[in-house]
Amino acid sequence: MTQLSRIWPPPSLLARKVLCTAYVSAPFDSESVSKFHGLHASAAMRVISRHLKLGYRLDSIEKRGAGFRTDLIFTKSNVGSRLVEVKSANKLREIHKIQAALYPNDRHNEIVVSNRHQDLILTPEYVNEARGRAHLTREFLAHDPEKAAIKYTPHEDVCYTCANEACPFGLRKQNEVDPLPDLPSFAFYDSDL
């Protein structure tokens, strides 16, 4: 029996694997990495500024964990501790919410996904559902990696960054023949791994 890893895949990859177990990360070139870091830093500054105006105190920036790094931690006396996942995207997506939900939060009262414009507080029910789904996905990846590698489930939040050349949906996207269908949120998506 294959042992489940607590640190692999990290939340950023596991969130994508929750939506499509056949997801393969596309490589980043150095120019894209620099651009991403700049956009992320700019978004983080806006999030910090907004939280400070609301009376929060900044406790940590990019705190390392076992195989991951949380972006921001704030505290406020009447709220407690708030873990914030910062995104440089203009629109907060399902994938961003799933990723934020997967960070260990036993010490935090709230988990929030933020971008330059808004803060989205995740409900405890959402967090529990995302973690349950992630646990099933992690088990599937550990116990049947061959099947997981070919279980293609297209989702607009992952297909555009996927490098799985065997995926029939990725090929359609590359050829721009057929757009991806509207798909439901992960909570109601393909419940039987």
C-alpha atoms as a PDB file:
ATOM      1  CA  MET A   1       0.000   0.000   0.000  1.00  0.00           C
ATOM      2  CA  THR A   2       1.349   3.403  -0.985  1.00  0.00           C
ATOM      3  CA  GLN A   3       1.736   5.866   1.889  1.00  0.00           C
ATOM      4  CA  LEU A   4       0.116   9.262   1.519  1.00  0.00           C
ATOM      5  CA  SER A   5       2.455  12.230   1.715  1.00  0.00           C
ATOM      6  CA  ARG A   6       1.431  15.162   3.873  1.00  0.00           C
ATOM      7  CA  ILE A   7       3.504  17.627   1.858  1.00  0.00           C
ATOM      8  CA  TRP A   8       3.000  16.392  -1.718  1.00  0.00           C
ATOM      9  CA  PRO A   9       1.416  17.674  -3.734  1.00  0.00           C
ATOM     10  CA  PRO A  10       1.610  21.163  -2.208  1.00  0.00           C
ATOM     11  CA  PRO A  11      -1.647  23.169  -2.030  1.00  0.00           C
ATOM     12  CA  SER A  12      -0.940  25.040  -5.275  1.00  0.00           C
ATOM     13  CA  LEU A  13      -0.657  21.795  -7.275  1.00  0.00           C
ATOM     14  CA  LEU A  14      -3.148  19.764  -5.239  1.00  0.00           C
ATOM     15  CA  ALA A  15      -5.871  22.354  -5.911  1.00  0.00           C
ATOM     16  CA  ARG A  16      -5.373  21.775  -9.639  1.00  0.00           C
ATOM     17  CA  LYS A  17      -5.273  18.001  -9.176  1.00  0.00           C
ATOM     18  CA  VAL A  18      -8.599  18.222  -7.311  1.00  0.00           C
ATOM     19  CA  LEU A  19     -10.157  19.620 -10.470  1.00  0.00           C
ATOM     20  CA  CYS A  20      -8.245  17.334 -12.879  1.00  0.00           C
ATOM     21  CA  THR A  21      -5.975  14.555 -11.634  1.00  0.00           C
ATOM     22  CA  ALA A  22      -4.262  14.433 -15.037  1.00  0.00           C
ATOM     23  CA  TYR A  23      -3.078  18.055 -14.694  1.00  0.00           C
ATOM     24  CA  VAL A  24       0.614  18.627 -15.463  1.00  0.00           C
ATOM     25  CA  SER A  25       2.221  21.955 -14.569  1.00  0.00           C
ATOM     26  CA  ALA A  26       3.536  23.958 -17.490  1.00  0.00           C
ATOM     27  CA  PRO A  27       7.109  25.170 -16.998  1.00  0.00           C
ATOM     28  CA  PHE A  28       7.746  28.835 -16.213  1.00  0.00           C
ATOM     29  CA  ASP A  29      10.447  30.727 -18.064  1.00  0.00           C
ATOM     30  CA  SER A  30      12.530  33.272 -16.158  1.00  0.00           C
ATOM     31  CA  GLU A  31      10.741  36.259 -17.745  1.00  0.00           C
ATOM     32  CA  SER A  32       7.325  34.878 -16.729  1.00  0.00           C
ATOM     33  CA  VAL A  33       8.576  34.193 -13.200  1.00  0.00           C
ATOM     34  CA  SER A  34       9.807  37.778 -12.830  1.00  0.00           C
ATOM     35  CA  LYS A  35       6.544  39.181 -14.162  1.00  0.00           C
ATOM     36  CA  PHE A  36       4.525  36.916 -11.841  1.00  0.00           C
ATOM     37  CA  HIS A  37       6.561  37.945  -8.787  1.00  0.00           C
ATOM     38  CA  GLY A  38       6.088  41.617  -9.618  1.00  0.00           C
ATOM     39  CA  LEU A  39       2.329  41.287 -10.058  1.00  0.00           C
ATOM     40  CA  HIS A  40       2.050  39.195  -6.885  1.00  0.00           C
ATOM     41  CA  ALA A  41       4.062  41.719  -4.853  1.00  0.00           C
ATOM     42  CA  SER A  42       1.902  44.576  -6.117  1.00  0.00           C
ATOM     43  CA  ALA A  43      -1.286  42.690  -5.215  1.00  0.00           C
ATOM     44  CA  ALA A  44       0.132  41.808  -1.776  1.00  0.00           C
ATOM     45  CA  MET A  45       0.875  45.490  -1.066  1.00  0.00           C
ATOM     46  CA  ARG A  46      -2.725  46.424  -1.923  1.00  0.00           C
ATOM     47  CA  VAL A  47      -4.065  43.625   0.292  1.00  0.00           C
ATOM     48  CA  ILE A  48      -1.817  44.656   3.189  1.00  0.00           C
ATOM     49  CA  SER A  49      -2.852  48.304   2.823  1.00  0.00           C
ATOM     50  CA  ARG A  50      -6.535  47.407   2.756  1.00  0.00           C
ATOM     51  CA  HIS A  51      -6.243  45.196   5.845  1.00  0.00           C
ATOM     52  CA  LEU A  52      -4.277  47.792   7.809  1.00  0.00           C
ATOM     53  CA  LYS A  53      -7.008  50.348   7.076  1.00  0.00           C
ATOM     54  CA  LEU A  54      -9.556  47.874   8.460  1.00  0.00           C
ATOM     55  CA  GLY A  55      -7.651  47.629  11.749  1.00  0.00           C
ATOM     56  CA  TYR A  56      -5.765  44.366  11.181  1.00  0.00           C
ATOM     57  CA  ARG A  57      -2.180  43.885  12.293  1.00  0.00           C
ATOM     58  CA  LEU A  58       0.221  42.153   9.891  1.00  0.00           C
ATOM     59  CA  ASP A  59       1.788  39.155  11.649  1.00  0.00           C
ATOM     60  CA  SER A  60       3.738  37.445   8.880  1.00  0.00           C
ATOM     61  CA  ILE A  61       4.598  37.597   5.202  1.00  0.00           C
ATOM     62  CA  GLU A  62       5.307  34.451   3.156  1.00  0.00           C
ATOM     63  CA  LYS A  63       5.560  32.122   6.119  1.00  0.00           C
ATOM     64  CA  ARG A  64       7.039  28.755   5.175  1.00  0.00           C
ATOM     65  CA  GLY A  65       5.369  25.477   6.045  1.00  0.00           C
ATOM     66  CA  ALA A  66       5.967  21.823   5.173  1.00  0.00           C
ATOM     67  CA  GLY A  67       6.063  21.995   1.375  1.00  0.00           C
ATOM     68  CA  PHE A  68       4.221  25.298   1.014  1.00  0.00           C
ATOM     69  CA  ARG A  69       4.320  29.004   1.852  1.00  0.00           C
ATOM     70  CA  THR A  70       1.373  31.075   3.104  1.00  0.00           C
ATOM     71  CA  ASP A  71       1.215  34.616   1.787  1.00  0.00           C
ATOM     72  CA  LEU A  72      -0.043  36.777   4.658  1.00  0.00           C
ATOM     73  CA  ILE A  73      -1.241  36.333   8.235  1.00  0.00           C
ATOM     74  CA  PHE A  74      -3.177  39.120   9.968  1.00  0.00           C
ATOM     75  CA  THR A  75      -4.734  39.443  13.414  1.00  0.00           C
ATOM     76  CA  LYS A  76      -7.497  41.622  14.769  1.00  0.00           C
ATOM     77  CA  SER A  77      -8.799  41.488  18.345  1.00  0.00           C
ATOM     78  CA  ASN A  78     -12.460  40.873  17.470  1.00  0.00           C
ATOM     79  CA  VAL A  79     -11.707  38.479  14.572  1.00  0.00           C
ATOM     80  CA  GLY A  80      -8.621  36.526  15.600  1.00  0.00           C
ATOM     81  CA  SER A  81      -6.121  35.245  13.083  1.00  0.00           C
ATOM     82  CA  ARG A  82      -6.691  35.547   9.315  1.00  0.00           C
ATOM     83  CA  LEU A  83      -4.718  33.585   6.729  1.00  0.00           C
ATOM     84  CA  VAL A  84      -4.748  35.406   3.378  1.00  0.00           C
ATOM     85  CA  GLU A  85      -3.872  33.812   0.044  1.00  0.00           C
ATOM     86  CA  VAL A  86      -2.967  36.649  -2.347  1.00  0.00           C
ATOM     87  CA  LYS A  87      -3.705  36.323  -6.046  1.00  0.00           C
ATOM     88  CA  SER A  88      -2.536  38.683  -8.779  1.00  0.00           C
ATOM     89  CA  ALA A  89      -5.499  37.738 -10.996  1.00  0.00           C
ATOM     90  CA  ASN A  90      -8.212  40.328 -11.574  1.00  0.00           C
ATOM     91  CA  LYS A  91     -10.907  37.702 -11.011  1.00  0.00           C
ATOM     92  CA  LEU A  92     -10.859  35.275  -8.070  1.00  0.00           C
ATOM     93  CA  ARG A  93     -11.466  31.760  -9.368  1.00  0.00           C
ATOM     94  CA  GLU A  94     -12.549  28.447  -7.903  1.00  0.00           C
ATOM     95  CA  ILE A  95      -8.958  27.198  -8.083  1.00  0.00           C
ATOM     96  CA  HIS A  96      -7.819  30.086  -5.870  1.00  0.00           C
ATOM     97  CA  LYS A  97     -10.436  29.260  -3.238  1.00  0.00           C
ATOM     98  CA  ILE A  98      -9.527  25.572  -3.249  1.00  0.00           C
ATOM     99  CA  GLN A  99      -5.818  26.358  -2.862  1.00  0.00           C
ATOM    100  CA  ALA A 100      -6.452  28.680   0.079  1.00  0.00           C
ATOM    101  CA  ALA A 101      -8.658  26.070   1.759  1.00  0.00           C
ATOM    102  CA  LEU A 102      -5.863  23.485   1.593  1.00  0.00           C
ATOM    103  CA  TYR A 103      -3.388  25.390   3.765  1.00  0.00           C
ATOM    104  CA  PRO A 104      -3.233  24.159   7.360  1.00  0.00           C
ATOM    105  CA  ASN A 105      -5.557  26.444   9.292  1.00  0.00           C
ATOM    106  CA  ASP A 106      -5.783  24.987  12.782  1.00  0.00           C
ATOM    107  CA  ARG A 107      -4.391  28.254  14.181  1.00  0.00           C
ATOM    108  CA  HIS A 108      -6.450  30.628  12.029  1.00  0.00           C
ATOM    109  CA  ASN A 109     -10.018  31.816  12.541  1.00  0.00           C
ATOM    110  CA  GLU A 110     -10.507  32.812   8.906  1.00  0.00           C
ATOM    111  CA  ILE A 111      -9.149  31.849   5.525  1.00  0.00           C
ATOM    112  CA  VAL A 112      -9.380  34.538   2.865  1.00  0.00           C
ATOM    113  CA  VAL A 113      -8.536  34.750  -0.821  1.00  0.00           C
ATOM    114  CA  SER A 114      -7.626  38.289  -1.866  1.00  0.00           C
ATOM    115  CA  ASN A 115      -6.594  40.154  -4.955  1.00  0.00           C
ATOM    116  CA  ARG A 116      -6.012  43.852  -5.608  1.00  0.00           C
ATOM    117  CA  HIS A 117      -9.747  44.547  -5.446  1.00  0.00           C
ATOM    118  CA  GLN A 118     -11.466  42.220  -2.998  1.00  0.00           C
ATOM    119  CA  ASP A 119     -11.248  39.834  -0.069  1.00  0.00           C
ATOM    120  CA  LEU A 120     -13.305  36.636  -0.180  1.00  0.00           C
ATOM    121  CA  ILE A 121     -13.766  34.872   3.174  1.00  0.00           C
ATOM    122  CA  LEU A 122     -14.146  31.092   2.817  1.00  0.00           C
ATOM    123  CA  THR A 123     -16.859  29.452   4.886  1.00  0.00           C
ATOM    124  CA  PRO A 124     -15.866  26.604   7.222  1.00  0.00           C
ATOM    125  CA  GLU A 125     -18.151  24.315   5.181  1.00  0.00           C
ATOM    126  CA  TYR A 126     -16.312  25.190   1.977  1.00  0.00           C
ATOM    127  CA  VAL A 127     -12.944  24.596   3.632  1.00  0.00           C
ATOM    128  CA  ASN A 128     -14.042  21.207   4.991  1.00  0.00           C
ATOM    129  CA  GLU A 129     -15.454  20.154   1.638  1.00  0.00           C
ATOM    130  CA  ALA A 130     -12.289  21.221  -0.208  1.00  0.00           C
ATOM    131  CA  ARG A 131     -10.104  19.345   2.277  1.00  0.00           C
ATOM    132  CA  GLY A 132     -12.238  16.225   2.000  1.00  0.00           C
ATOM    133  CA  ARG A 133     -12.025  16.358  -1.770  1.00  0.00           C
ATOM    134  CA  ALA A 134      -8.257  16.930  -1.572  1.00  0.00           C
ATOM    135  CA  HIS A 135      -7.862  13.908   0.707  1.00  0.00           C
ATOM    136  CA  LEU A 136      -9.720  11.704  -1.812  1.00  0.00           C
ATOM    137  CA  THR A 137      -7.595  13.137  -4.626  1.00  0.00           C
ATOM    138  CA  ARG A 138      -4.364  12.529  -2.712  1.00  0.00           C
ATOM    139  CA  GLU A 139      -5.452   8.905  -2.069  1.00  0.00           C
ATOM    140  CA  PHE A 140      -6.280   8.428  -5.752  1.00  0.00           C
ATOM    141  CA  LEU A 141      -2.899   9.849  -6.816  1.00  0.00           C
ATOM    142  CA  ALA A 142      -1.056   7.599  -4.347  1.00  0.00           C
ATOM    143  CA  HIS A 143      -2.952   4.362  -4.925  1.00  0.00           C
ATOM    144  CA  ASP A 144      -3.647   4.475  -8.655  1.00  0.00           C
ATOM    145  CA  PRO A 145      -1.266   6.978 -10.280  1.00  0.00           C
ATOM    146  CA  GLU A 146      -1.645   5.428 -13.751  1.00  0.00           C
ATOM    147  CA  LYS A 147      -5.412   5.896 -13.736  1.00  0.00           C
ATOM    148  CA  ALA A 148      -5.104   9.373 -12.186  1.00  0.00           C
ATOM    149  CA  ALA A 149      -2.733  10.412 -14.990  1.00  0.00           C
ATOM    150  CA  ILE A 150      -5.394   9.720 -17.637  1.00  0.00           C
ATOM    151  CA  LYS A 151      -8.537  10.865 -15.793  1.00  0.00           C
ATOM    152  CA  TYR A 152      -9.082  14.007 -17.843  1.00  0.00           C
ATOM    153  CA  THR A 153     -11.668  16.359 -16.399  1.00  0.00           C
ATOM    154  CA  PRO A 154     -11.554  19.687 -18.218  1.00  0.00           C
ATOM    155  CA  HIS A 155     -11.990  22.795 -16.142  1.00  0.00           C
ATOM    156  CA  GLU A 156     -11.423  26.381 -17.236  1.00  0.00           C
ATOM    157  CA  ASP A 157      -9.323  27.113 -14.139  1.00  0.00           C
ATOM    158  CA  VAL A 158      -6.699  24.476 -14.950  1.00  0.00           C
ATOM    159  CA  CYS A 159      -6.694  23.758 -18.675  1.00  0.00           C
ATOM    160  CA  TYR A 160      -5.066  27.028 -19.682  1.00  0.00           C
ATOM    161  CA  THR A 161      -1.937  26.252 -17.607  1.00  0.00           C
ATOM    162  CA  CYS A 162      -1.819  22.485 -18.190  1.00  0.00           C
ATOM    163  CA  ALA A 163       1.053  20.920 -20.122  1.00  0.00           C
ATOM    164  CA  ASN A 164      -0.405  17.402 -20.411  1.00  0.00           C
ATOM    165  CA  GLU A 165       0.115  16.729 -24.102  1.00  0.00           C
ATOM    166  CA  ALA A 166      -1.932  13.515 -24.007  1.00  0.00           C
ATOM    167  CA  CYS A 167      -5.101  15.296 -22.876  1.00  0.00           C
ATOM    168  CA  PRO A 168      -7.721  15.427 -25.632  1.00  0.00           C
ATOM    169  CA  PHE A 169      -9.227  18.575 -24.127  1.00  0.00           C
ATOM    170  CA  GLY A 170      -5.851  20.327 -24.095  1.00  0.00           C
ATOM    171  CA  LEU A 171      -5.393  19.564 -27.768  1.00  0.00           C
ATOM    172  CA  ARG A 172      -8.789  21.050 -28.555  1.00  0.00           C
ATOM    173  CA  LYS A 173      -7.841  24.154 -26.576  1.00  0.00           C
ATOM    174  CA  GLN A 174      -4.494  24.494 -28.358  1.00  0.00           C
ATOM    175  CA  ASN A 175      -6.189  24.268 -31.745  1.00  0.00           C
ATOM    176  CA  GLU A 176      -8.926  26.660 -30.563  1.00  0.00           C
ATOM    177  CA  VAL A 177     -11.522  24.443 -32.238  1.00  0.00           C
ATOM    178  CA  ASP A 178     -13.993  24.154 -29.399  1.00  0.00           C
ATOM    179  CA  PRO A 179     -14.190  26.170 -26.178  1.00  0.00           C
ATOM    180  CA  LEU A 180     -14.473  24.298 -22.887  1.00  0.00           C
ATOM    181  CA  PRO A 181     -18.037  23.723 -21.709  1.00  0.00           C
ATOM    182  CA  ASP A 182     -19.420  25.559 -18.686  1.00  0.00           C
ATOM    183  CA  LEU A 183     -18.630  23.300 -15.767  1.00  0.00           C
ATOM    184  CA  PRO A 184     -20.040  23.307 -12.262  1.00  0.00           C
ATOM    185  CA  SER A 185     -18.038  24.274  -9.207  1.00  0.00           C
ATOM    186  CA  PHE A 186     -15.763  21.548  -7.824  1.00  0.00           C
ATOM    187  CA  ALA A 187     -18.150  20.864  -4.944  1.00  0.00           C
ATOM    188  CA  PHE A 188     -20.576  19.197  -7.331  1.00  0.00           C
ATOM    189  CA  TYR A 189     -18.023  17.981  -9.834  1.00  0.00           C
ATOM    190  CA  ASP A 190     -17.243  14.318 -10.507  1.00  0.00           C
ATOM    191  CA  SER A 191     -17.858  13.046  -6.979  1.00  0.00           C
ATOM    192  CA  ASP A 192     -16.488   9.560  -7.647  1.00  0.00           C
ATOM    193  CA  LEU A 193     -12.770   9.616  -8.200  1.00  0.00           C
END
